């Protein structure tokens, strides 16, 4: 999948994310987030294209939550494709080029969006006896004579 295929998905995600954001973004900040998409994730170049001069780490730190949301949305949008790829590789009768790499990538995406394998453990405990209660201890005084 090339970066060009990601752009329409990310652009739609930016639009949807704008509507649900808690904090209002400046035009420059929104441009930066859009440029992150256009540059394929190159944060330094995105900051320069958005008009930020100098230290691009400041804009990254100020928009950290929005960048994380962008990444989470990207993974969530690709989760169905990851699941389908796993099934495709499993059902294929022909060799699949780079099958292990593709399966690992698909599994990583699914893990990060919360779709992961679950482990079940069964605990069986059979008790054959009942509860045995001892009487309270009494104090015994022993006199020893010489």
Protein backbone atom coordinates (compact mmCIF):
# COMPACT_ATOMS: atom_id res chain seq x y z
CA UNK A 1 0.00 0.00 0.00
CA UNK A 2 1.46 3.32 -1.00
CA UNK A 3 1.11 6.58 0.87
CA UNK A 4 -1.16 7.86 -1.90
CA UNK A 5 -3.74 5.25 -0.92
CA UNK A 6 -3.66 6.43 2.70
CA UNK A 7 -4.30 10.12 1.96
CA UNK A 8 -8.05 9.91 1.28
CA UNK A 9 -8.56 7.91 4.47
CA UNK A 10 -6.49 10.29 6.57
CA UNK A 11 -8.12 13.36 5.06
CA UNK A 12 -11.53 12.00 6.01
CA UNK A 13 -10.22 11.21 9.47
CA UNK A 14 -8.94 14.78 9.88
CA UNK A 15 -12.35 16.10 8.93
CA UNK A 16 -14.09 13.78 11.39
CA UNK A 17 -11.53 14.47 14.10
CA UNK A 18 -12.04 18.24 13.75
CA UNK A 19 -15.69 17.92 14.67
CA UNK A 20 -15.01 15.93 17.84
CA UNK A 21 -11.94 17.79 19.12
CA UNK A 22 -12.16 19.26 22.58
CA UNK A 23 -9.74 22.07 21.93
CA UNK A 24 -10.04 24.51 19.10
CA UNK A 25 -7.17 24.38 16.65
CA UNK A 26 -5.71 27.39 14.95
CA UNK A 27 -5.64 27.42 11.18
CA UNK A 28 -1.89 26.84 11.31
CA UNK A 29 -2.26 23.85 13.64
CA UNK A 30 -4.91 22.28 11.40
CA UNK A 31 -2.69 22.91 8.38
CA UNK A 32 0.12 21.13 10.21
CA UNK A 33 -2.09 18.08 10.85
CA UNK A 34 -3.17 18.05 7.21
CA UNK A 35 0.46 18.31 6.09
CA UNK A 36 1.37 15.37 8.35
CA UNK A 37 -0.98 13.38 6.13
CA UNK A 38 0.35 14.87 2.90
CA UNK A 39 3.99 14.20 3.83
CA UNK A 40 3.34 10.62 4.86
CA UNK A 41 4.14 11.33 8.50
CA UNK A 42 7.23 13.54 8.14
CA UNK A 43 6.60 15.85 11.11
CA UNK A 44 9.50 18.20 10.44
CA UNK A 45 8.49 18.76 6.82
CA UNK A 46 4.83 19.11 7.82
CA UNK A 47 5.74 21.84 10.30
CA UNK A 48 7.77 23.70 7.67
CA UNK A 49 4.97 23.43 5.09
CA UNK A 50 2.42 24.68 7.64
CA UNK A 51 4.53 27.79 8.19
CA UNK A 52 6.23 26.96 11.48
CA UNK A 53 9.75 28.30 11.60
CA UNK A 54 12.55 26.96 13.74
CA UNK A 55 11.96 24.25 16.32
CA UNK A 56 9.28 21.87 15.06
CA UNK A 57 9.27 20.00 18.39
CA UNK A 58 7.18 22.76 19.97
CA UNK A 59 4.29 22.25 17.56
CA UNK A 60 4.58 18.49 17.94
CA UNK A 61 4.40 18.78 21.73
CA UNK A 62 1.43 21.15 21.57
CA UNK A 63 -0.47 18.79 19.25
CA UNK A 64 0.65 15.51 20.80
CA UNK A 65 -2.89 14.37 21.62
CA UNK A 66 -4.13 15.19 18.13
CA UNK A 67 -1.22 13.28 16.56
CA UNK A 68 -1.98 10.25 18.72
CA UNK A 69 -5.66 10.47 17.74
CA UNK A 70 -4.62 10.61 14.10
CA UNK A 71 -2.50 7.47 14.49
CA UNK A 72 -5.26 5.64 16.38
CA UNK A 73 -7.80 6.54 13.70
CA UNK A 74 -5.44 5.32 11.00
CA UNK A 75 -5.00 1.97 12.76
CA UNK A 76 -8.74 1.64 13.40
CA UNK A 77 -9.50 2.27 9.73
CA UNK A 78 -7.03 -0.43 8.70
CA UNK A 79 -8.13 -3.05 11.24
CA UNK A 80 -10.71 -4.68 8.92
CA UNK A 81 -8.12 -4.86 6.13
CA UNK A 82 -5.63 -6.44 8.56
CA UNK A 83 -8.17 -9.06 9.61
CA UNK A 84 -9.03 -9.82 5.99
CA UNK A 85 -5.32 -10.16 5.10
CA UNK A 86 -4.86 -12.70 7.88
CA UNK A 87 -7.77 -14.76 6.57
CA UNK A 88 -6.54 -14.40 2.97
CA UNK A 89 -3.08 -15.71 3.88
CA UNK A 90 -4.62 -18.55 5.88
CA UNK A 91 -6.97 -19.62 3.06
CA UNK A 92 -4.47 -19.25 0.21
CA UNK A 93 -3.50 -22.45 -1.60
CA UNK A 94 -0.64 -20.67 -3.33
CA UNK A 95 2.49 -19.27 -1.69
CA UNK A 96 1.99 -15.72 -0.46
CA UNK A 97 5.04 -13.46 -0.88
CA UNK A 98 6.27 -12.18 2.47
CA UNK A 99 3.43 -13.94 4.27
CA UNK A 100 5.13 -13.81 7.67
CA UNK A 101 5.81 -10.09 7.41
CA UNK A 102 2.26 -9.38 6.29
CA UNK A 103 0.78 -11.50 9.06
CA UNK A 104 2.93 -9.80 11.68
CA UNK A 105 1.94 -6.37 10.42
CA UNK A 106 -1.73 -7.34 10.43
CA UNK A 107 -1.42 -8.76 13.95
CA UNK A 108 0.30 -5.59 15.19
CA UNK A 109 -2.50 -3.43 13.82
CA UNK A 110 -5.18 -5.62 15.36
CA UNK A 111 -3.37 -5.69 18.71
CA UNK A 112 -3.16 -1.92 18.80
CA UNK A 113 -6.86 -1.42 18.13
CA UNK A 114 -7.79 -3.92 20.81
CA UNK A 115 -8.53 -6.99 18.72
CA UNK A 116 -6.17 -9.55 20.10
CA UNK A 117 -6.16 -13.19 20.90
CA UNK A 118 -7.65 -14.07 24.22
CA UNK A 119 -6.34 -16.76 26.47
CA UNK A 120 -8.80 -18.78 28.45
CA UNK A 121 -7.86 -20.77 31.47
CA UNK A 122 -10.08 -23.39 32.99
CA UNK A 123 -9.64 -24.12 36.68
CA UNK A 124 -11.36 -27.20 38.04
CA UNK A 125 -11.10 -27.97 41.72
CA UNK A 126 -12.81 -30.95 43.25
CA UNK A 127 -13.21 -31.05 47.01
CA UNK A 128 -13.89 -34.49 48.43
CA UNK A 129 -14.27 -33.61 52.04
CA UNK A 130 -16.02 -31.01 54.06
CA UNK A 131 -14.76 -28.38 56.39
CA UNK A 132 -13.31 -29.66 59.67
CA UNK A 133 -13.47 -27.30 62.61
CA UNK A 134 -11.28 -27.94 65.63
CA UNK A 135 -12.44 -27.03 69.13
CA UNK A 136 -10.78 -24.10 70.84
CA UNK A 137 -7.62 -24.84 72.73
CA UNK A 138 -7.76 -24.94 76.48
CA UNK A 139 -4.93 -23.84 78.71
CA UNK A 140 -3.33 -26.80 80.49
CA UNK A 141 -1.18 -26.24 83.59
CA UNK A 142 1.27 -28.99 84.45
CA UNK A 143 2.87 -29.16 87.86
CA UNK A 144 6.18 -30.87 87.82
CA UNK A 145 7.42 -32.11 91.16
CA UNK A 146 11.04 -32.83 91.76
